[in-house]
């Protein structure tokens, strides 16, 4: 593994920012999972291919998450990466995959996945 020339202060800023992806709503309702730690993560998309009739490009979605004991901590014992090829629906499909994985991994009696067609809770359908 390679060490990058980054200050501890910058790394901590990045950790807190990744936590805020979860807590401020960018990752929508994943923050409602009752986890034994401070879920932290980053969403993203990557455009590819040929533009459609409306000029937009298809895209992949991805989400990386880890569960440290507290915001900014470096003691995570679980990290997850998902990549959804050509996930051209509203929202972030990869985020929904991680939600389901975390619900199963931690045996939560909770289902907060969203239906990408209308953003309703899957469990309510």
Protein backbone atom coordinates (compact mmCIF):
# COMPACT_ATOMS: atom_id res chain seq x y z
CA UNK A 1 0.00 0.00 0.00
CA UNK A 2 1.18 3.52 -0.73
CA UNK A 3 1.16 6.47 1.67
CA UNK A 4 -0.05 9.78 0.29
CA UNK A 5 1.32 13.15 1.42
CA UNK A 6 -1.90 14.29 3.15
CA UNK A 7 -2.11 15.96 6.54
CA UNK A 8 -4.10 14.38 9.34
CA UNK A 9 -6.24 17.54 9.42
CA UNK A 10 -7.17 17.09 5.74
CA UNK A 11 -7.95 13.41 6.27
CA UNK A 12 -10.19 14.26 9.22
CA UNK A 13 -11.98 16.89 7.11
CA UNK A 14 -12.60 14.24 4.44
CA UNK A 15 -13.89 11.75 7.04
CA UNK A 16 -16.32 14.31 8.49
CA UNK A 17 -17.45 15.29 4.97
CA UNK A 18 -18.13 11.65 4.13
CA UNK A 19 -20.17 11.34 7.32
CA UNK A 20 -22.17 14.40 6.30
CA UNK A 21 -23.09 12.68 3.01
CA UNK A 22 -25.15 10.39 5.25
CA UNK A 23 -26.43 12.86 7.85
CA UNK A 24 -27.35 15.87 5.69
CA UNK A 25 -29.64 14.07 3.29
CA UNK A 26 -27.49 13.61 0.19
CA UNK A 27 -27.71 9.85 0.68
CA UNK A 28 -31.38 10.30 1.54
CA UNK A 29 -32.88 7.90 4.06
CA UNK A 30 -29.91 5.58 4.65
CA UNK A 31 -29.25 7.72 7.74
CA UNK A 32 -32.38 6.18 9.28
CA UNK A 33 -30.78 2.74 9.58
CA UNK A 34 -30.25 1.83 13.23
CA UNK A 35 -26.60 0.81 12.98
CA UNK A 36 -24.05 0.16 15.76
CA UNK A 37 -21.77 2.93 14.52
CA UNK A 38 -21.53 6.10 12.45
CA UNK A 39 -22.27 5.08 8.85
CA UNK A 40 -20.03 7.12 6.55
CA UNK A 41 -19.95 7.14 2.75
CA UNK A 42 -19.76 8.74 -0.65
CA UNK A 43 -22.14 8.46 -3.61
CA UNK A 44 -21.22 8.98 -7.22
CA UNK A 45 -22.03 8.54 -10.86
CA UNK A 46 -19.88 8.11 -13.95
CA UNK A 47 -21.24 9.03 -17.37
CA UNK A 48 -20.35 6.90 -20.38
CA UNK A 49 -21.45 6.02 -23.89
CA UNK A 50 -23.41 7.91 -26.49
CA UNK A 51 -25.82 10.75 -25.65
CA UNK A 52 -29.50 9.90 -25.89
CA UNK A 53 -32.11 11.85 -27.88
CA UNK A 54 -32.34 14.39 -25.04
CA UNK A 55 -28.54 14.86 -25.05
CA UNK A 56 -27.96 13.16 -21.72
CA UNK A 57 -25.44 10.39 -21.27
CA UNK A 58 -26.17 7.04 -19.61
CA UNK A 59 -24.38 6.57 -16.30
CA UNK A 60 -23.13 4.09 -13.76
CA UNK A 61 -23.79 4.65 -10.05
CA UNK A 62 -21.53 3.77 -7.16
CA UNK A 63 -21.51 4.05 -3.40
CA UNK A 64 -18.75 3.37 -0.90
CA UNK A 65 -19.54 3.10 2.81
CA UNK A 66 -17.87 2.18 6.06
CA UNK A 67 -19.08 1.97 9.64
CA UNK A 68 -16.66 3.42 12.23
CA UNK A 69 -17.63 3.58 15.91
CA UNK A 70 -18.03 7.39 15.81
CA UNK A 71 -17.97 10.21 13.22
CA UNK A 72 -14.40 10.74 12.02
CA UNK A 73 -13.06 7.60 13.71
CA UNK A 74 -10.70 5.29 11.82
CA UNK A 75 -11.76 2.01 13.45
CA UNK A 76 -14.29 0.75 10.88
CA UNK A 77 -14.48 -3.03 10.72
CA UNK A 78 -16.87 -3.07 7.76
CA UNK A 79 -16.42 -1.37 4.38
CA UNK A 80 -18.66 -1.80 1.34
CA UNK A 81 -18.31 -0.74 -2.29
CA UNK A 82 -21.08 -1.13 -4.86
CA UNK A 83 -21.00 -0.32 -8.57
CA UNK A 84 -24.14 -0.52 -10.68
CA UNK A 85 -23.49 -0.67 -14.40
CA UNK A 86 -25.83 1.49 -16.51
CA UNK A 87 -28.01 2.33 -13.53
CA UNK A 88 -30.06 4.86 -15.43
CA UNK A 89 -32.91 5.39 -13.01
CA UNK A 90 -33.51 8.30 -10.68
CA UNK A 91 -31.60 8.12 -7.44
CA UNK A 92 -28.52 6.02 -6.74
CA UNK A 93 -29.16 2.30 -7.28
CA UNK A 94 -25.87 1.44 -5.57
CA UNK A 95 -27.05 3.20 -2.42
CA UNK A 96 -30.14 0.99 -2.37
CA UNK A 97 -27.93 -2.11 -2.67
CA UNK A 98 -25.88 -0.98 0.35
CA UNK A 99 -29.05 -0.28 2.35
CA UNK A 100 -30.25 -3.81 1.74
CA UNK A 101 -26.84 -5.29 2.53
CA UNK A 102 -26.60 -3.38 5.82
CA UNK A 103 -30.14 -4.40 6.81
CA UNK A 104 -29.16 -8.04 6.26
CA UNK A 105 -25.61 -7.83 7.72
CA UNK A 106 -26.81 -6.27 10.98
CA UNK A 107 -30.05 -8.29 11.01
CA UNK A 108 -32.14 -5.15 11.28
CA UNK A 109 -35.89 -5.45 11.59
CA UNK A 110 -36.12 -2.50 9.25
CA UNK A 111 -36.51 -2.05 5.49
CA UNK A 112 -35.98 1.48 4.17
CA UNK A 113 -35.14 0.67 0.54
CA UNK A 114 -36.77 2.99 -2.00
CA UNK A 115 -38.48 1.95 -5.23
CA UNK A 116 -36.62 3.84 -8.02
CA UNK A 117 -39.86 4.26 -9.98
CA UNK A 118 -41.57 6.50 -7.42
CA UNK A 119 -39.28 6.70 -4.35
CA UNK A 120 -41.85 4.96 -2.16
CA UNK A 121 -40.62 2.56 0.50
CA UNK A 122 -40.26 -0.93 -0.98
CA UNK A 123 -41.62 -2.48 2.22
CA UNK A 124 -44.83 -0.45 1.84
CA UNK A 125 -45.52 -1.80 -1.66
